[in-house]
PDB file of N, CA and C in Angstrom:
ATOM      1  N   UNK A   1     -22.174   0.722   7.460  1.00  0.00           N
ATOM      2  CA  UNK A   1     -21.824   0.004   6.212  1.00  0.00           C
ATOM      3  C   UNK A   1     -20.691  -0.430   6.243  1.00  0.00           C
ATOM      4  N   UNK A   2     -19.394   0.461   6.459  1.00  0.00           N
ATOM      5  CA  UNK A   2     -18.173   0.405   6.448  1.00  0.00           C
ATOM      6  C   UNK A   2     -17.691  -0.950   7.010  1.00  0.00           C
ATOM      7  N   UNK A   3     -18.253  -0.898   8.552  1.00  0.00           N
ATOM      8  CA  UNK A   3     -17.680  -1.949   9.197  1.00  0.00           C
ATOM      9  C   UNK A   3     -18.324  -3.185   8.633  1.00  0.00           C
ATOM     10  N   UNK A   4     -19.503  -3.411   8.081  1.00  0.00           N
ATOM     11  CA  UNK A   4     -20.078  -4.388   7.413  1.00  0.00           C
ATOM     12  C   UNK A   4     -19.020  -4.716   6.243  1.00  0.00           C
ATOM     13  N   UNK A   5     -18.594  -3.919   5.466  1.00  0.00           N
ATOM     14  CA  UNK A   5     -17.849  -4.464   4.523  1.00  0.00           C
ATOM     15  C   UNK A   5     -16.304  -4.700   5.029  1.00  0.00           C
ATOM     16  N   UNK A   6     -15.863  -4.312   6.261  1.00  0.00           N
ATOM     17  CA  UNK A   6     -14.880  -4.926   6.661  1.00  0.00           C
ATOM     18  C   UNK A   6     -14.870  -6.184   7.389  1.00  0.00           C
ATOM     19  N   UNK A   7     -16.121  -6.551   7.919  1.00  0.00           N
ATOM     20  CA  UNK A   7     -16.292  -7.883   8.313  1.00  0.00           C
ATOM     21  C   UNK A   7     -16.489  -8.901   7.271  1.00  0.00           C
ATOM     22  N   UNK A   8     -17.059  -8.373   6.192  1.00  0.00           N
ATOM     23  CA  UNK A   8     -17.286  -9.140   4.899  1.00  0.00           C
ATOM     24  C   UNK A   8     -15.798  -9.484   4.373  1.00  0.00           C
ATOM     25  N   UNK A   9     -15.038  -8.474   4.278  1.00  0.00           N
ATOM     26  CA  UNK A   9     -13.400  -8.612   3.921  1.00  0.00           C
ATOM     27  C   UNK A   9     -12.677  -9.656   4.645  1.00  0.00           C
ATOM     28  N   UNK A  10     -12.994  -9.779   5.926  1.00  0.00           N
ATOM     29  CA  UNK A  10     -12.418 -10.644   6.949  1.00  0.00           C
ATOM     30  C   UNK A  10     -12.846 -11.970   6.587  1.00  0.00           C
ATOM     31  N   UNK A  11     -14.160 -12.263   6.167  1.00  0.00           N
ATOM     32  CA  UNK A  11     -14.782 -13.588   5.893  1.00  0.00           C
ATOM     33  C   UNK A  11     -14.469 -14.105   4.724  1.00  0.00           C
ATOM     34  N   UNK A  12     -14.046 -13.228   3.752  1.00  0.00           N
ATOM     35  CA  UNK A  12     -13.556 -13.473   2.489  1.00  0.00           C
ATOM     36  C   UNK A  12     -12.052 -14.039   2.448  1.00  0.00           C
ATOM     37  N   UNK A  13     -11.288 -13.238   3.411  1.00  0.00           N
ATOM     38  CA  UNK A  13      -9.885 -13.676   3.545  1.00  0.00           C
ATOM     39  C   UNK A  13      -9.906 -15.017   4.539  1.00  0.00           C
ATOM     40  N   UNK A  14     -10.798 -15.199   5.093  1.00  0.00           N
ATOM     41  CA  UNK A  14     -10.868 -16.588   5.956  1.00  0.00           C
ATOM     42  C   UNK A  14     -10.957 -17.621   5.004  1.00  0.00           C
ATOM     43  N   UNK A  15     -12.162 -17.441   4.207  1.00  0.00           N
ATOM     44  CA  UNK A  15     -12.163 -18.626   3.267  1.00  0.00           C
ATOM     45  C   UNK A  15     -11.056 -18.824   2.114  1.00  0.00           C
ATOM     46  N   UNK A  16     -10.280 -17.726   1.963  1.00  0.00           N
ATOM     47  CA  UNK A  16      -9.313 -17.906   0.899  1.00  0.00           C
ATOM     48  C   UNK A  16      -7.977 -18.112   1.343  1.00  0.00           C
ATOM     49  N   UNK A  17      -7.781 -17.629   2.429  1.00  0.00           N
ATOM     50  CA  UNK A  17      -6.334 -17.815   2.780  1.00  0.00           C
ATOM     51  C   UNK A  17      -5.929 -19.150   3.153  1.00  0.00           C
ATOM     52  N   UNK A  18      -4.495 -19.468   2.884  1.00  0.00           N
ATOM     53  CA  UNK A  18      -3.928 -20.910   2.830  1.00  0.00           C
ATOM     54  C   UNK A  18      -3.772 -21.089   4.302  1.00  0.00           C
ATOM     55  N   UNK A  19      -4.707 -22.126   4.665  1.00  0.00           N
ATOM     56  CA  UNK A  19      -4.388 -22.293   6.178  1.00  0.00           C
ATOM     57  C   UNK A  19      -3.238 -23.298   6.484  1.00  0.00           C
ATOM     58  N   UNK A  20      -2.908 -24.060   5.699  1.00  0.00           N
ATOM     59  CA  UNK A  20      -1.450 -25.038   5.788  1.00  0.00           C
ATOM     60  C   UNK A  20      -0.109 -24.154   5.616  1.00  0.00           C
ATOM     61  N   UNK A  21      -0.382 -23.120   4.791  1.00  0.00           N
ATOM     62  CA  UNK A  21       1.087 -22.569   4.600  1.00  0.00           C
ATOM     63  C   UNK A  21       1.123 -21.000   5.154  1.00  0.00           C
ATOM     64  N   UNK A  22       2.027 -20.247   4.893  1.00  0.00           N
ATOM     65  CA  UNK A  22       2.018 -18.894   5.269  1.00  0.00           C
ATOM     66  C   UNK A  22       1.617 -17.799   4.096  1.00  0.00           C
ATOM     67  N   UNK A  23       0.671 -16.987   4.752  1.00  0.00           N
ATOM     68  CA  UNK A  23      -0.002 -16.227   3.730  1.00  0.00           C
ATOM     69  C   UNK A  23       0.368 -14.541   4.048  1.00  0.00           C
ATOM     70  N   UNK A  24       0.696 -13.977   2.923  1.00  0.00           N
ATOM     71  CA  UNK A  24       0.987 -12.600   3.194  1.00  0.00           C
ATOM     72  C   UNK A  24       0.244 -11.638   2.531  1.00  0.00           C
ATOM     73  N   UNK A  25      -0.714 -10.800   2.920  1.00  0.00           N
ATOM     74  CA  UNK A  25      -1.696 -10.172   2.181  1.00  0.00           C
ATOM     75  C   UNK A  25      -1.623  -8.866   2.515  1.00  0.00           C
ATOM     76  N   UNK A  26      -1.774  -7.848   1.703  1.00  0.00           N
ATOM     77  CA  UNK A  26      -1.542  -6.452   1.906  1.00  0.00           C
ATOM     78  C   UNK A  26      -3.319  -5.800   1.219  1.00  0.00           C
ATOM     79  N   UNK A  27      -3.654  -4.965   2.122  1.00  0.00           N
ATOM     80  CA  UNK A  27      -4.985  -4.553   1.917  1.00  0.00           C
ATOM     81  C   UNK A  27      -4.702  -2.929   2.055  1.00  0.00           C
ATOM     82  N   UNK A  28      -4.793  -2.212   0.929  1.00  0.00           N
ATOM     83  CA  UNK A  28      -4.218  -0.912   1.228  1.00  0.00           C
ATOM     84  C   UNK A  28      -5.464   0.082   0.605  1.00  0.00           C
ATOM     85  N   UNK A  29      -5.358   1.339   1.274  1.00  0.00           N
ATOM     86  CA  UNK A  29      -6.245   2.465   1.025  1.00  0.00           C
ATOM     87  C   UNK A  29      -7.771   2.341   1.435  1.00  0.00           C
ATOM     88  N   UNK A  30      -7.906   1.627   2.686  1.00  0.00           N
ATOM     89  CA  UNK A  30      -9.212   1.599   2.824  1.00  0.00           C
ATOM     90  C   UNK A  30      -9.478   2.478   4.142  1.00  0.00           C
ATOM     91  N   UNK A  31     -10.845   2.841   4.364  1.00  0.00           N
ATOM     92  CA  UNK A  31     -11.154   3.764   5.349  1.00  0.00           C
ATOM     93  C   UNK A  31     -10.953   2.881   6.849  1.00  0.00           C
ATOM     94  N   UNK A  32     -10.639   4.008   7.957  1.00  0.00           N
ATOM     95  CA  UNK A  32     -10.545   3.412   8.911  1.00  0.00           C
ATOM     96  C   UNK A  32     -11.601   2.458   9.522  1.00  0.00           C
ATOM     97  N   UNK A  33     -12.864   2.955   9.187  1.00  0.00           N
ATOM     98  CA  UNK A  33     -14.223   2.273   9.524  1.00  0.00           C
ATOM     99  C   UNK A  33     -14.059   0.773   8.868  1.00  0.00           C
ATOM    100  N   UNK A  34     -13.488   0.584   7.766  1.00  0.00           N
ATOM    101  CA  UNK A  34     -13.487  -0.589   7.095  1.00  0.00           C
ATOM    102  C   UNK A  34     -12.319  -1.531   8.145  1.00  0.00           C
ATOM    103  N   UNK A  35     -11.306  -1.008   8.220  1.00  0.00           N
ATOM    104  CA  UNK A  35     -10.162  -1.655   9.097  1.00  0.00           C
ATOM    105  C   UNK A  35     -10.844  -1.984  10.434  1.00  0.00           C
ATOM    106  N   UNK A  36     -11.892  -0.977  11.199  1.00  0.00           N
ATOM    107  CA  UNK A  36     -12.323  -1.285  12.269  1.00  0.00           C
ATOM    108  C   UNK A  36     -13.325  -2.811  12.275  1.00  0.00           C
ATOM    109  N   UNK A  37     -13.936  -2.970  11.095  1.00  0.00           N
ATOM    110  CA  UNK A  37     -14.858  -3.736  10.902  1.00  0.00           C
ATOM    111  C   UNK A  37     -13.980  -4.977  10.723  1.00  0.00           C
ATOM    112  N   UNK A  38     -12.785  -4.963   9.985  1.00  0.00           N
ATOM    113  CA  UNK A  38     -11.727  -6.107  10.053  1.00  0.00           C
ATOM    114  C   UNK A  38     -11.626  -6.622  11.354  1.00  0.00           C
ATOM    115  N   UNK A  39     -11.023  -5.668  12.033  1.00  0.00           N
ATOM    116  CA  UNK A  39     -10.326  -6.057  13.425  1.00  0.00           C
ATOM    117  C   UNK A  39     -11.551  -6.688  14.371  1.00  0.00           C
ATOM    118  N   UNK A  40     -12.610  -6.086  14.281  1.00  0.00           N
ATOM    119  CA  UNK A  40     -13.635  -6.831  15.178  1.00  0.00           C
ATOM    120  C   UNK A  40     -14.001  -8.119  15.089  1.00  0.00           C
ATOM    121  N   UNK A  41     -14.061  -8.598  13.492  1.00  0.00           N
ATOM    122  CA  UNK A  41     -14.455  -9.679  13.147  1.00  0.00           C
ATOM    123  C   UNK A  41     -13.181 -10.569  13.050  1.00  0.00           C
ATOM    124  N   UNK A  42     -11.811 -10.299  13.332  1.00  0.00           N
ATOM    125  CA  UNK A  42     -10.850 -11.188  13.156  1.00  0.00           C
ATOM    126  C   UNK A  42     -10.809 -12.123  14.359  1.00  0.00           C
ATOM    127  N   UNK A  43     -10.146 -13.583  14.157  1.00  0.00           N
ATOM    128  CA  UNK A  43      -9.855 -14.263  14.985  1.00  0.00           C
ATOM    129  C   UNK A  43      -8.461 -14.860  15.094  1.00  0.00           C
ATOM    130  N   UNK A  44      -8.226 -15.404  16.096  1.00  0.00           N
ATOM    131  CA  UNK A  44      -6.807 -15.957  16.349  1.00  0.00           C
ATOM    132  C   UNK A  44      -6.354 -16.914  15.274  1.00  0.00           C
ATOM    133  N   UNK A  45      -7.229 -17.730  15.010  1.00  0.00           N
ATOM    134  CA  UNK A  45      -7.157 -18.754  13.672  1.00  0.00           C
ATOM    135  C   UNK A  45      -6.528 -18.355  12.613  1.00  0.00           C
ATOM    136  N   UNK A  46      -6.950 -17.089  12.085  1.00  0.00           N
ATOM    137  CA  UNK A  46      -6.233 -16.536  10.893  1.00  0.00           C
ATOM    138  C   UNK A  46      -4.784 -15.924  11.325  1.00  0.00           C
ATOM    139  N   UNK A  47      -4.194 -15.542  10.078  1.00  0.00           N
ATOM    140  CA  UNK A  47      -2.697 -15.119  10.384  1.00  0.00           C
ATOM    141  C   UNK A  47      -2.705 -13.895  10.986  1.00  0.00           C
ATOM    142  N   UNK A  48      -1.942 -13.413  11.459  1.00  0.00           N
ATOM    143  CA  UNK A  48      -1.575 -12.119  12.231  1.00  0.00           C
ATOM    144  C   UNK A  48      -2.166 -10.790  11.398  1.00  0.00           C
ATOM    145  N   UNK A  49      -3.161  -9.881  11.880  1.00  0.00           N
ATOM    146  CA  UNK A  49      -3.653  -8.894  11.498  1.00  0.00           C
ATOM    147  C   UNK A  49      -2.736  -7.736  11.835  1.00  0.00           C
ATOM    148  N   UNK A  50      -2.339  -6.859  10.970  1.00  0.00           N
ATOM    149  CA  UNK A  50      -1.674  -5.535  11.429  1.00  0.00           C
ATOM    150  C   UNK A  50      -2.096  -4.518  10.592  1.00  0.00           C
ATOM    151  N   UNK A  51      -2.762  -3.256  11.449  1.00  0.00           N
ATOM    152  CA  UNK A  51      -3.404  -2.057  10.959  1.00  0.00           C
ATOM    153  C   UNK A  51      -2.505  -0.998  11.046  1.00  0.00           C
ATOM    154  N   UNK A  52      -2.125  -0.330  10.092  1.00  0.00           N
ATOM    155  CA  UNK A  52      -1.477   0.871   9.928  1.00  0.00           C
ATOM    156  C   UNK A  52      -2.569   2.045   9.966  1.00  0.00           C
ATOM    157  N   UNK A  53      -2.476   2.799  10.741  1.00  0.00           N
ATOM    158  CA  UNK A  53      -3.595   3.945  11.009  1.00  0.00           C
ATOM    159  C   UNK A  53      -3.305   5.029  11.368  1.00  0.00           C
ATOM    160  N   UNK A  54      -3.816   6.199  11.156  1.00  0.00           N
ATOM    161  CA  UNK A  54      -3.513   7.321  12.375  1.00  0.00           C
ATOM    162  C   UNK A  54      -4.091   7.436  13.639  1.00  0.00           C
ATOM    163  N   UNK A  55      -4.708   6.276  13.862  1.00  0.00           N
ATOM    164  CA  UNK A  55      -5.668   6.305  15.049  1.00  0.00           C
ATOM    165  C   UNK A  55      -5.382   4.831  15.590  1.00  0.00           C
ATOM    166  N   UNK A  56      -4.145   4.391  16.103  1.00  0.00           N
ATOM    167  CA  UNK A  56      -3.790   3.197  16.230  1.00  0.00           C
ATOM    168  C   UNK A  56      -4.603   2.399  17.573  1.00  0.00           C
ATOM    169  N   UNK A  57      -5.014   3.513  18.534  1.00  0.00           N
ATOM    170  CA  UNK A  57      -5.732   3.221  19.786  1.00  0.00           C
ATOM    171  C   UNK A  57      -6.954   2.409  19.443  1.00  0.00           C
ATOM    172  N   UNK A  58      -7.557   2.948  18.261  1.00  0.00           N
ATOM    173  CA  UNK A  58      -8.973   1.796  17.808  1.00  0.00           C
ATOM    174  C   UNK A  58      -8.829   0.566  17.612  1.00  0.00           C
ATOM    175  N   UNK A  59      -7.459  -0.003  17.084  1.00  0.00           N
ATOM    176  CA  UNK A  59      -7.108  -1.079  16.981  1.00  0.00           C
ATOM    177  C   UNK A  59      -6.765  -2.276  17.950  1.00  0.00           C
ATOM    178  N   UNK A  60      -6.186  -1.911  18.935  1.00  0.00           N
ATOM    179  CA  UNK A  60      -5.701  -2.756  20.146  1.00  0.00           C
ATOM    180  C   UNK A  60      -4.657  -3.608  19.698  1.00  0.00           C
ATOM    181  N   UNK A  61      -4.703  -4.870  19.796  1.00  0.00           N
ATOM    182  CA  UNK A  61      -3.552  -5.698  19.499  1.00  0.00           C
ATOM    183  C   UNK A  61      -3.320  -5.770  18.084  1.00  0.00           C
ATOM    184  N   UNK A  62      -4.322  -5.391  17.187  1.00  0.00           N
ATOM    185  CA  UNK A  62      -4.166  -5.307  15.561  1.00  0.00           C
ATOM    186  C   UNK A  62      -3.293  -4.069  15.098  1.00  0.00           C
ATOM    187  N   UNK A  63      -3.259  -3.141  16.125  1.00  0.00           N
ATOM    188  CA  UNK A  63      -2.348  -1.902  15.350  1.00  0.00           C
ATOM    189  C   UNK A  63      -0.956  -2.002  15.313  1.00  0.00           C
ATOM    190  N   UNK A  64      -0.289  -1.744  14.155  1.00  0.00           N
ATOM    191  CA  UNK A  64       1.058  -2.119  13.789  1.00  0.00           C
ATOM    192  C   UNK A  64       1.725  -0.903  14.534  1.00  0.00           C
ATOM    193  N   UNK A  65       2.603  -1.273  15.519  1.00  0.00           N
ATOM    194  CA  UNK A  65       3.432  -0.096  16.092  1.00  0.00           C
ATOM    195  C   UNK A  65       4.681  -0.677  16.298  1.00  0.00           C
ATOM    196  N   UNK A  66       5.734   0.358  16.075  1.00  0.00           N
ATOM    197  CA  UNK A  66       7.199  -0.240  16.535  1.00  0.00           C
ATOM    198  C   UNK A  66       7.709  -1.420  15.581  1.00  0.00           C
ATOM    199  N   UNK A  67       7.164  -1.713  14.495  1.00  0.00           N
ATOM    200  CA  UNK A  67       7.658  -2.720  13.854  1.00  0.00           C
ATOM    201  C   UNK A  67       7.530  -2.589  12.239  1.00  0.00           C
ATOM    202  N   UNK A  68       8.090  -3.146  11.463  1.00  0.00           N
ATOM    203  CA  UNK A  68       8.111  -2.767  10.004  1.00  0.00           C
ATOM    204  C   UNK A  68       7.548  -4.087   9.170  1.00  0.00           C
ATOM    205  N   UNK A  69       7.105  -3.832   8.180  1.00  0.00           N
ATOM    206  CA  UNK A  69       6.623  -5.003   7.305  1.00  0.00           C
ATOM    207  C   UNK A  69       7.361  -6.288   7.239  1.00  0.00           C
ATOM    208  N   UNK A  70       8.858  -5.835   7.066  1.00  0.00           N
ATOM    209  CA  UNK A  70      10.012  -6.698   6.936  1.00  0.00           C
ATOM    210  C   UNK A  70      10.000  -7.672   8.305  1.00  0.00           C
ATOM    211  N   UNK A  71       9.791  -7.104   9.432  1.00  0.00           N
ATOM    212  CA  UNK A  71      10.017  -7.617  10.730  1.00  0.00           C
ATOM    213  C   UNK A  71       8.837  -8.613  10.923  1.00  0.00           C
ATOM    214  N   UNK A  72       7.778  -8.168  10.426  1.00  0.00           N
ATOM    215  CA  UNK A  72       6.271  -9.035  10.535  1.00  0.00           C
ATOM    216  C   UNK A  72       6.638 -10.691   9.704  1.00  0.00           C
ATOM    217  N   UNK A  73       7.008  -9.962   8.313  1.00  0.00           N
ATOM    218  CA  UNK A  73       7.166 -11.293   7.541  1.00  0.00           C
ATOM    219  C   UNK A  73       8.241 -12.211   7.819  1.00  0.00           C
ATOM    220  N   UNK A  74       9.315 -11.673   8.452  1.00  0.00           N
ATOM    221  CA  UNK A  74      10.353 -12.587   8.852  1.00  0.00           C
ATOM    222  C   UNK A  74      10.321 -13.257  10.095  1.00  0.00           C
ATOM    223  N   UNK A  75       9.233 -13.243  11.131  1.00  0.00           N
ATOM    224  CA  UNK A  75       8.858 -13.678  12.294  1.00  0.00           C
ATOM    225  C   UNK A  75       9.041 -15.229  11.859  1.00  0.00           C
ATOM    226  N   UNK A  76       9.904 -15.826  12.572  1.00  0.00           N
ATOM    227  CA  UNK A  76      10.053 -17.433  12.356  1.00  0.00           C
ATOM    228  C   UNK A  76       8.876 -18.246  12.615  1.00  0.00           C
ATOM    229  N   UNK A  77       7.889 -18.041  13.327  1.00  0.00           N
ATOM    230  CA  UNK A  77       6.899 -18.776  13.637  1.00  0.00           C
ATOM    231  C   UNK A  77       5.394 -18.295  13.154  1.00  0.00           C
ATOM    232  N   UNK A  78       5.558 -17.335  12.210  1.00  0.00           N
ATOM    233  CA  UNK A  78       4.238 -16.775  11.999  1.00  0.00           C
ATOM    234  C   UNK A  78       3.737 -17.534  10.866  1.00  0.00           C
ATOM    235  N   UNK A  79       2.349 -17.459  11.072  1.00  0.00           N
ATOM    236  CA  UNK A  79       1.558 -18.217   9.839  1.00  0.00           C
ATOM    237  C   UNK A  79       1.140 -17.401   8.774  1.00  0.00           C
ATOM    238  N   UNK A  80       1.735 -16.046   9.025  1.00  0.00           N
ATOM    239  CA  UNK A  80       1.421 -14.977   7.945  1.00  0.00           C
ATOM    240  C   UNK A  80       1.105 -13.608   8.621  1.00  0.00           C
ATOM    241  N   UNK A  81       0.777 -12.837   7.744  1.00  0.00           N
ATOM    242  CA  UNK A  81       0.352 -11.394   8.109  1.00  0.00           C
ATOM    243  C   UNK A  81      -0.638 -10.883   7.034  1.00  0.00           C
ATOM    244  N   UNK A  82      -1.663 -10.238   7.555  1.00  0.00           N
ATOM    245  CA  UNK A  82      -2.503  -9.298   6.730  1.00  0.00           C
ATOM    246  C   UNK A  82      -2.230  -8.032   7.181  1.00  0.00           C
ATOM    247  N   UNK A  83      -1.583  -7.436   6.278  1.00  0.00           N
ATOM    248  CA  UNK A  83      -1.477  -5.722   6.604  1.00  0.00           C
ATOM    249  C   UNK A  83      -2.182  -4.863   5.963  1.00  0.00           C
ATOM    250  N   UNK A  84      -3.048  -4.108   6.662  1.00  0.00           N
ATOM    251  CA  UNK A  84      -4.094  -3.334   6.326  1.00  0.00           C
ATOM    252  C   UNK A  84      -3.355  -1.739   6.164  1.00  0.00           C
ATOM    253  N   UNK A  85      -3.488  -0.867   5.387  1.00  0.00           N
ATOM    254  CA  UNK A  85      -2.997   0.156   5.302  1.00  0.00           C
ATOM    255  C   UNK A  85      -4.224   1.280   5.132  1.00  0.00           C
ATOM    256  N   UNK A  86      -4.675   2.106   6.054  1.00  0.00           N
ATOM    257  CA  UNK A  86      -5.632   2.791   5.979  1.00  0.00           C
ATOM    258  C   UNK A  86      -5.478   4.120   4.976  1.00  0.00           C
ATOM    259  N   UNK A  87      -6.363   4.561   4.539  1.00  0.00           N
ATOM    260  CA  UNK A  87      -6.275   5.814   3.771  1.00  0.00           C
ATOM    261  C   UNK A  87      -4.898   6.574   4.248  1.00  0.00           C
ATOM    262  N   UNK A  88      -4.493   6.926   3.094  1.00  0.00           N
ATOM    263  CA  UNK A  88      -3.057   7.920   3.215  1.00  0.00           C
ATOM    264  C   UNK A  88      -1.903   7.408   4.144  1.00  0.00           C
ATOM    265  N   UNK A  89      -1.987   6.024   4.563  1.00  0.00           N
ATOM    266  CA  UNK A  89      -0.982   5.466   5.424  1.00  0.00           C
ATOM    267  C   UNK A  89      -0.106   4.686   4.491  1.00  0.00           C
ATOM    268  N   UNK A  90       1.341   4.780   5.037  1.00  0.00           N
ATOM    269  CA  UNK A  90       2.399   3.875   4.474  1.00  0.00           C
ATOM    270  C   UNK A  90       3.172   3.332   5.468  1.00  0.00           C
ATOM    271  N   UNK A  91       3.982   2.549   5.099  1.00  0.00           N
ATOM    272  CA  UNK A  91       5.316   1.661   5.958  1.00  0.00           C
ATOM    273  C   UNK A  91       6.356   2.417   5.186  1.00  0.00           C
ATOM    274  N   UNK A  92       7.521   2.663   6.016  1.00  0.00           N
ATOM    275  CA  UNK A  92       8.675   2.969   5.607  1.00  0.00           C
ATOM    276  C   UNK A  92       9.338   2.034   4.903  1.00  0.00           C
ATOM    277  N   UNK A  93       9.189   0.746   4.680  1.00  0.00           N
ATOM    278  CA  UNK A  93       9.953  -0.303   4.222  1.00  0.00           C
ATOM    279  C   UNK A  93       8.938  -0.910   2.979  1.00  0.00           C
ATOM    280  N   UNK A  94       8.159   0.028   2.347  1.00  0.00           N
ATOM    281  CA  UNK A  94       7.421  -0.331   1.220  1.00  0.00           C
ATOM    282  C   UNK A  94       7.911  -1.167   0.378  1.00  0.00           C
ATOM    283  N   UNK A  95       9.248  -1.343   0.109  1.00  0.00           N
ATOM    284  CA  UNK A  95       9.952  -2.456  -1.080  1.00  0.00           C
ATOM    285  C   UNK A  95       9.506  -3.898  -0.534  1.00  0.00           C
ATOM    286  N   UNK A  96       9.557  -3.948   0.790  1.00  0.00           N
ATOM    287  CA  UNK A  96       9.598  -5.230   1.404  1.00  0.00           C
ATOM    288  C   UNK A  96       8.248  -5.895   1.124  1.00  0.00           C
ATOM    289  N   UNK A  97       7.110  -5.171   0.806  1.00  0.00           N
ATOM    290  CA  UNK A  97       5.804  -5.730   0.684  1.00  0.00           C
ATOM    291  C   UNK A  97       5.805  -6.177  -0.535  1.00  0.00           C
ATOM    292  N   UNK A  98       6.660  -6.475  -1.633  1.00  0.00           N
ATOM    293  CA  UNK A  98       6.463  -6.988  -3.005  1.00  0.00           C
ATOM    294  C   UNK A  98       6.024  -8.312  -2.900  1.00  0.00           C
ATOM    295  N   UNK A  99       6.323  -9.156  -1.705  1.00  0.00           N
ATOM    296  CA  UNK A  99       6.053 -10.508  -1.671  1.00  0.00           C
ATOM    297  C   UNK A  99       4.792 -10.799  -1.144  1.00  0.00           C
ATOM    298  N   UNK A 100       3.924  -9.493  -0.713  1.00  0.00           N
ATOM    299  CA  UNK A 100       2.439  -9.552  -0.271  1.00  0.00           C
ATOM    300  C   UNK A 100       1.755  -9.775  -1.096  1.00  0.00           C
ATOM    301  N   UNK A 101       0.319 -10.569  -1.427  1.00  0.00           N
ATOM    302  CA  UNK A 101      -0.575 -10.767  -2.076  1.00  0.00           C
ATOM    303  C   UNK A 101      -1.288  -9.287  -2.060  1.00  0.00           C
ATOM    304  N   UNK A 102      -1.804  -8.421  -2.909  1.00  0.00           N
ATOM    305  CA  UNK A 102      -2.578  -7.534  -2.910  1.00  0.00           C
ATOM    306  C   UNK A 102      -3.972  -7.961  -2.863  1.00  0.00           C
ATOM    307  N   UNK A 103      -4.867  -7.430  -1.943  1.00  0.00           N
ATOM    308  CA  UNK A 103      -6.365  -7.798  -2.155  1.00  0.00           C
ATOM    309  C   UNK A 103      -6.850  -6.487  -1.769  1.00  0.00           C
ATOM    310  N   UNK A 104      -8.078  -6.220  -2.543  1.00  0.00           N
ATOM    311  CA  UNK A 104      -8.931  -4.849  -2.115  1.00  0.00           C
ATOM    312  C   UNK A 104     -10.480  -5.475  -1.942  1.00  0.00           C
ATOM    313  N   UNK A 105     -11.232  -4.690  -1.347  1.00  0.00           N
ATOM    314  CA  UNK A 105     -12.556  -4.994  -1.077  1.00  0.00           C
ATOM    315  C   UNK A 105     -13.450  -5.024  -2.161  1.00  0.00           C
ATOM    316  N   UNK A 106     -12.775  -4.629  -3.538  1.00  0.00           N
ATOM    317  CA  UNK A 106     -13.562  -5.044  -4.621  1.00  0.00           C
ATOM    318  C   UNK A 106     -13.468  -6.626  -4.853  1.00  0.00           C
ATOM    319  N   UNK A 107     -12.551  -7.332  -4.374  1.00  0.00           N
ATOM    320  CA  UNK A 107     -12.761  -8.745  -4.598  1.00  0.00           C
ATOM    321  C   UNK A 107     -13.993  -9.283  -4.482  1.00  0.00           C
ATOM    322  N   UNK A 108     -14.697  -8.697  -3.503  1.00  0.00           N
ATOM    323  CA  UNK A 108     -15.986  -9.396  -3.031  1.00  0.00           C
ATOM    324  C   UNK A 108     -16.932  -9.320  -4.064  1.00  0.00           C
ATOM    325  N   UNK A 109     -16.933  -8.552  -5.175  1.00  0.00           N
ATOM    326  CA  UNK A 109     -17.793  -8.140  -6.141  1.00  0.00           C
ATOM    327  C   UNK A 109     -17.622  -9.124  -7.422  1.00  0.00           C
ATOM    328  N   UNK A 110     -16.502  -9.833  -7.329  1.00  0.00           N
ATOM    329  CA  UNK A 110     -16.144 -10.822  -8.683  1.00  0.00           C
ATOM    330  C   UNK A 110     -16.618 -12.319  -8.424  1.00  0.00           C
ATOM    331  N   UNK A 111     -17.485 -12.585  -7.348  1.00  0.00           N
ATOM    332  CA  UNK A 111     -17.895 -13.867  -7.330  1.00  0.00           C
ATOM    333  C   UNK A 111     -19.298 -13.785  -6.634  1.00  0.00           C
ATOM    334  N   UNK A 112     -19.954 -14.831  -6.984  1.00  0.00           N
ATOM    335  CA  UNK A 112     -21.247 -14.663  -6.084  1.00  0.00           C
ATOM    336  C   UNK A 112     -21.179 -15.015  -4.891  1.00  0.00           C
ATOM    337  N   UNK A 113     -20.220 -15.859  -4.431  1.00  0.00           N
ATOM    338  CA  UNK A 113     -19.858 -16.149  -2.959  1.00  0.00           C
ATOM    339  C   UNK A 113     -19.452 -14.764  -2.201  1.00  0.00           C
ATOM    340  N   UNK A 114     -18.701 -13.897  -2.912  1.00  0.00           N
ATOM    341  CA  UNK A 114     -18.346 -12.392  -2.382  1.00  0.00           C
ATOM    342  C   UNK A 114     -19.558 -11.818  -2.251  1.00  0.00           C
ATOM    343  N   UNK A 115     -20.548 -11.614  -3.148  1.00  0.00           N
ATOM    344  CA  UNK A 115     -21.463 -11.146  -3.064  1.00  0.00           C
ATOM    345  C   UNK A 115     -22.565 -11.291  -1.925  1.00  0.00           C
ATOM    346  N   UNK A 116     -22.579 -12.826  -1.740  1.00  0.00           N
ATOM    347  CA  UNK A 116     -23.395 -13.344  -0.642  1.00  0.00           C
ATOM    348  C   UNK A 116     -22.797 -13.017   0.732  1.00  0.00           C
ATOM    349  N   UNK A 117     -21.457 -12.869   0.764  1.00  0.00           N
ATOM    350  CA  UNK A 117     -20.797 -12.423   2.114  1.00  0.00           C
ATOM    351  C   UNK A 117     -21.118 -11.052   2.223  1.00  0.00           C
ATOM    352  N   UNK A 118     -21.190 -10.408   1.303  1.00  0.00           N
ATOM    353  CA  UNK A 118     -21.580  -8.977   1.460  1.00  0.00           C
ATOM    354  C   UNK A 118     -22.983  -8.568   2.007  1.00  0.00           C
ATOM    355  N   UNK A 119     -23.997  -9.417   1.509  1.00  0.00           N
ATOM    356  CA  UNK A 119     -25.126  -9.412   1.659  1.00  0.00           C
ATOM    357  C   UNK A 119     -25.744  -9.895   3.308  1.00  0.00           C
TER     358      UNK A 119
END
């Protein structure tokens, strides 16, 4: 079920992220299994996905290693970043994330479209 929620959250972001501009999104406090579902459903047409987890090996190219949120945000050619913080995880430069739009899985429950994505 958690992988399905992650996949649905990815689809929600696909439909709502600005494709013409840079998008910076923060998803925090999700279980590793939800982040795994997001990682599996992610594609390169979306902004960069960076997942902070105690098990980075699960996320391959989506694992956030040896880079800060500030560095991700300031990459000159980035189309944006979706930063996922798994349960209990933080980044050292937390204050730099104030420019990120916070999105939670509960966003899916706010609209009929979101409920449809979940089902």
